């Protein structure tokens, strides 16, 4: 990096990024953690992340660390909070910029920079390194808020899915139960869904209709913003 003309001689904090990665297995929301291969907290679980280089932005750092530790490429990461407690890292003064992303679980592979990567359900989260338990709580709170303002199923569901799977997704994130008929009617009125294939006549009603997302409408709603009331 080119030497700067003006440099301040007082101590500078280091900057890291951490990524909370959410997936969905059709029933419950999963969180991706990596097992640390180095000290501090060697062997403990943490979020994918690391120190930001001098020639990259925070988002570039997040994307690089994700690929190195999980094999994820081109994930749609979104910044949600900055954690700056003075003693949050035992090595030195470190500020972390936190991101979250919603991904299909099959896209994640093991990376070289972590001992192991593993998906955990909400109720199976082990003890986390650093202040990552606080980061997780903030990420979950953010996800619950934003699901009502953004159609997020596209990132988490398979290309073809049932209305029941979509309802399971919303119930898993919001930790509530919805009336089946009301949920179905609300989702269909949004115009987000199109039938993946026509169901043959006289097909038993217990066999669910398969849907795809209407990509054009999905993009339109994400750009304009929408509010989903339950």
Protein backbone atom coordinates (compact mmCIF):
# COMPACT_ATOMS: atom_id res chain seq x y z
CA UNK A 1 0.00 0.00 0.00
CA UNK A 2 1.30 3.44 -0.91
CA UNK A 3 2.72 5.42 2.02
CA UNK A 4 0.45 8.24 3.14
CA UNK A 5 1.64 11.84 3.45
CA UNK A 6 0.08 12.33 6.85
CA UNK A 7 0.19 9.71 9.60
CA UNK A 8 -0.95 10.07 13.19
CA UNK A 9 1.36 8.63 15.84
CA UNK A 10 -1.27 7.59 18.38
CA UNK A 11 -2.42 3.96 18.90
CA UNK A 12 -4.92 2.63 16.37
CA UNK A 13 -7.48 -0.10 17.01
CA UNK A 14 -7.54 -3.12 14.74
CA UNK A 15 -10.68 -3.82 12.71
CA UNK A 16 -12.24 -7.19 12.01
CA UNK A 17 -15.42 -8.40 10.36
CA UNK A 18 -17.64 -11.24 11.60
CA UNK A 19 -20.39 -12.92 9.59
CA UNK A 20 -23.53 -14.51 11.00
CA UNK A 21 -24.71 -16.99 8.38
CA UNK A 22 -28.30 -18.26 8.55
CA UNK A 23 -29.61 -21.33 6.75
CA UNK A 24 -32.90 -23.24 6.76
CA UNK A 25 -33.35 -27.02 6.68
CA UNK A 26 -37.10 -26.95 5.98
CA UNK A 27 -38.02 -27.04 9.67
CA UNK A 28 -35.66 -24.84 11.67
CA UNK A 29 -33.24 -21.96 11.24
CA UNK A 30 -29.59 -22.93 11.40
CA UNK A 31 -26.51 -20.84 12.24
CA UNK A 32 -23.11 -21.57 10.70
CA UNK A 33 -20.16 -21.65 13.10
CA UNK A 34 -16.48 -22.46 12.61
CA UNK A 35 -14.23 -24.12 15.15
CA UNK A 36 -11.19 -21.97 15.80
CA UNK A 37 -7.89 -23.58 14.89
CA UNK A 38 -5.67 -21.03 16.65
CA UNK A 39 -5.45 -19.17 19.94
CA UNK A 40 -7.13 -17.37 21.55
CA UNK A 41 -10.13 -19.65 22.10
CA UNK A 42 -8.56 -22.49 20.11
CA UNK A 43 -11.14 -25.27 19.72
CA UNK A 44 -14.06 -23.00 20.56
CA UNK A 45 -16.82 -22.07 18.12
CA UNK A 46 -17.13 -18.65 16.52
CA UNK A 47 -18.46 -16.85 13.49
CA UNK A 48 -16.46 -16.74 10.25
CA UNK A 49 -14.36 -13.60 10.27
CA UNK A 50 -10.96 -12.04 10.58
CA UNK A 51 -8.80 -8.95 10.39
CA UNK A 52 -9.39 -6.39 7.66
CA UNK A 53 -6.45 -5.72 5.35
CA UNK A 54 -5.25 -2.21 4.63
CA UNK A 55 -6.32 -2.36 0.98
CA UNK A 56 -9.88 -3.69 1.37
CA UNK A 57 -13.25 -2.45 2.54
CA UNK A 58 -15.12 -4.07 5.42
CA UNK A 59 -17.47 -5.83 3.00
CA UNK A 60 -14.56 -7.12 0.93
CA UNK A 61 -12.99 -8.43 4.12
CA UNK A 62 -16.22 -10.18 5.10
CA UNK A 63 -16.53 -11.79 1.67
CA UNK A 64 -12.90 -12.92 1.66
CA UNK A 65 -13.12 -14.47 5.12
CA UNK A 66 -16.35 -16.24 4.21
CA UNK A 67 -14.79 -17.85 1.17
CA UNK A 68 -11.61 -18.82 3.03
CA UNK A 69 -13.43 -20.37 6.00
CA UNK A 70 -16.64 -21.76 4.53
CA UNK A 71 -16.22 -21.93 0.75
CA UNK A 72 -19.08 -19.45 0.27
CA UNK A 73 -18.72 -17.18 -2.75
CA UNK A 74 -20.83 -14.15 -3.70
CA UNK A 75 -23.02 -14.32 -0.59
CA UNK A 76 -25.30 -11.33 -0.18
CA UNK A 77 -23.94 -9.98 3.11
CA UNK A 78 -25.60 -7.10 4.92
CA UNK A 79 -24.01 -5.03 7.68
CA UNK A 80 -26.09 -4.86 10.84
CA UNK A 81 -23.98 -3.60 13.77
CA UNK A 82 -20.54 -2.54 14.99
CA UNK A 83 -19.21 -3.97 18.27
CA UNK A 84 -16.59 -1.85 20.00
CA UNK A 85 -16.36 -2.85 23.67
CA UNK A 86 -12.84 -2.10 24.85
CA UNK A 87 -12.08 -5.59 26.20
CA UNK A 88 -13.89 -7.73 23.62
CA UNK A 89 -10.65 -9.31 22.31
CA UNK A 90 -7.79 -10.44 24.60
CA UNK A 91 -5.14 -9.84 21.91
CA UNK A 92 -5.52 -6.10 21.43
CA UNK A 93 -8.06 -3.32 20.96
CA UNK A 94 -10.33 -4.69 18.23
CA UNK A 95 -13.51 -3.29 16.70
CA UNK A 96 -15.62 -5.69 14.67
CA UNK A 97 -18.12 -4.83 11.94
CA UNK A 98 -20.80 -7.52 11.86
CA UNK A 99 -22.65 -8.79 8.81
CA UNK A 100 -25.34 -11.36 8.27
CA UNK A 101 -26.24 -13.42 5.23
CA UNK A 102 -28.99 -15.85 4.28
CA UNK A 103 -27.77 -18.84 2.28
CA UNK A 104 -28.86 -22.24 1.08
CA UNK A 105 -27.14 -24.73 3.34
CA UNK A 106 -25.84 -26.87 0.47
CA UNK A 107 -23.66 -23.97 -0.72
CA UNK A 108 -21.38 -24.17 2.34
CA UNK A 109 -18.19 -26.23 2.22
CA UNK A 110 -15.24 -26.50 4.55
CA UNK A 111 -12.47 -23.92 4.24
CA UNK A 112 -8.74 -24.00 4.96
CA UNK A 113 -8.65 -21.37 7.70
CA UNK A 114 -10.92 -23.14 10.20
CA UNK A 115 -10.63 -26.50 11.92
CA UNK A 116 -14.27 -27.29 11.14
CA UNK A 117 -17.49 -25.61 9.94
CA UNK A 118 -20.84 -26.84 11.24
CA UNK A 119 -24.52 -25.83 11.22
CA UNK A 120 -26.25 -25.46 14.60
CA UNK A 121 -29.92 -24.97 15.49
CA UNK A 122 -30.87 -22.07 17.77
CA UNK A 123 -31.23 -24.37 20.75
CA UNK A 124 -27.93 -26.17 20.09
CA UNK A 125 -25.55 -23.21 20.03
CA UNK A 126 -22.38 -24.07 22.00
CA UNK A 127 -20.39 -21.63 24.09
CA UNK A 128 -18.96 -19.03 21.69
CA UNK A 129 -15.57 -17.32 21.57
CA UNK A 130 -15.05 -13.61 22.21
CA UNK A 131 -18.37 -11.73 22.45
CA UNK A 132 -20.00 -13.77 19.69
CA UNK A 133 -22.96 -14.71 21.88
CA UNK A 134 -23.87 -11.02 21.95
CA UNK A 135 -23.33 -10.75 18.19
CA UNK A 136 -25.67 -13.72 17.68
CA UNK A 137 -28.43 -12.21 19.82
CA UNK A 138 -28.21 -8.96 17.89
CA UNK A 139 -28.24 -10.81 14.54
CA UNK A 140 -31.33 -12.83 15.47
CA UNK A 141 -33.10 -9.67 16.64
CA UNK A 142 -32.20 -7.96 13.35
CA UNK A 143 -33.45 -10.90 11.30
CA UNK A 144 -36.80 -10.89 13.14
CA UNK A 145 -37.21 -7.18 12.42
CA UNK A 146 -36.24 -7.34 8.76
CA UNK A 147 -38.31 -10.37 7.79
CA UNK A 148 -41.37 -8.12 7.99
CA UNK A 149 -39.82 -5.57 5.63
CA UNK A 150 -38.01 -7.79 3.12
CA UNK A 151 -39.09 -10.96 1.33
CA UNK A 152 -36.19 -13.19 2.38
CA UNK A 153 -37.33 -16.69 1.48
CA UNK A 154 -35.56 -16.67 -1.87
CA UNK A 155 -32.16 -16.92 -0.20
CA UNK A 156 -33.13 -19.74 2.18
CA UNK A 157 -35.60 -22.00 0.36
CA UNK A 158 -34.89 -24.36 -2.54
CA UNK A 159 -35.91 -23.24 -6.04
CA UNK A 160 -39.17 -25.20 -5.77
CA UNK A 161 -40.99 -25.37 -2.45
CA UNK A 162 -44.41 -25.79 -0.85
CA UNK A 163 -46.44 -23.18 0.98
CA UNK A 164 -45.98 -25.28 4.10
CA UNK A 165 -42.20 -24.92 3.84
CA UNK A 166 -42.56 -21.15 3.44
CA UNK A 167 -44.79 -21.01 6.51
CA UNK A 168 -42.28 -23.13 8.44
CA UNK A 169 -39.59 -20.60 7.54
CA UNK A 170 -41.52 -17.62 8.88
CA UNK A 171 -42.56 -19.50 11.99
CA UNK A 172 -38.99 -20.60 12.66
CA UNK A 173 -37.61 -17.06 12.42
CA UNK A 174 -40.39 -15.30 14.32
CA UNK A 175 -40.95 -18.18 16.77
CA UNK A 176 -44.72 -18.01 16.41
CA UNK A 177 -47.46 -20.17 14.87
CA UNK A 178 -49.69 -18.84 12.07
CA UNK A 179 -53.14 -19.82 10.98
CA UNK A 180 -52.57 -21.88 7.83
CA UNK A 181 -55.34 -20.34 5.71
CA UNK A 182 -54.54 -16.75 6.65
CA UNK A 183 -50.84 -17.26 5.93
CA UNK A 184 -51.53 -18.82 2.53
CA UNK A 185 -53.91 -16.02 1.50
CA UNK A 186 -51.50 -13.30 2.62
CA UNK A 187 -48.57 -14.77 0.68
CA UNK A 188 -50.56 -15.32 -2.50
CA UNK A 189 -51.85 -11.73 -2.46
CA UNK A 190 -48.29 -10.40 -2.48
CA UNK A 191 -47.78 -11.79 -5.99
CA UNK A 192 -44.42 -13.24 -4.98
CA UNK A 193 -45.28 -16.83 -5.82
CA UNK A 194 -46.01 -18.65 -9.05
CA UNK A 195 -46.96 -22.29 -9.39
CA UNK A 196 -43.96 -24.35 -10.41
CA UNK A 197 -46.20 -26.80 -12.23
CA UNK A 198 -49.92 -27.21 -12.70
CA UNK A 199 -51.41 -29.81 -10.44
CA UNK A 200 -53.38 -32.42 -12.42
CA UNK A 201 -57.15 -32.39 -12.07
CA UNK A 202 -58.61 -34.58 -9.34
CA UNK A 203 -55.31 -34.58 -7.43
CA UNK A 204 -55.95 -35.14 -3.70
CA UNK A 205 -55.79 -31.88 -1.72
CA UNK A 206 -53.30 -33.42 0.68
CA UNK A 207 -50.69 -33.28 -2.09
CA UNK A 208 -49.29 -29.72 -1.83
CA UNK A 209 -48.88 -27.28 -4.69
CA UNK A 210 -45.26 -26.54 -5.58
CA UNK A 211 -44.21 -22.90 -5.98
CA UNK A 212 -41.33 -20.81 -7.26
CA UNK A 213 -40.57 -17.21 -6.43
CA UNK A 214 -41.54 -14.60 -9.00
CA UNK A 215 -38.06 -13.10 -9.38
CA UNK A 216 -39.26 -9.87 -11.01
CA UNK A 217 -41.83 -9.19 -8.29
CA UNK A 218 -39.37 -10.30 -5.62
CA UNK A 219 -36.76 -7.74 -6.79
CA UNK A 220 -39.41 -5.05 -7.08
CA UNK A 221 -40.61 -5.55 -3.51
CA UNK A 222 -37.08 -5.63 -2.14
CA UNK A 223 -36.29 -2.32 -3.84
CA UNK A 224 -39.53 -0.57 -2.92
CA UNK A 225 -39.79 -2.09 0.51
CA UNK A 226 -42.86 -3.75 1.91
CA UNK A 227 -44.37 -4.45 5.32
CA UNK A 228 -45.75 -7.85 6.12
CA UNK A 229 -48.30 -7.74 8.93
CA UNK A 230 -49.30 -10.94 10.71
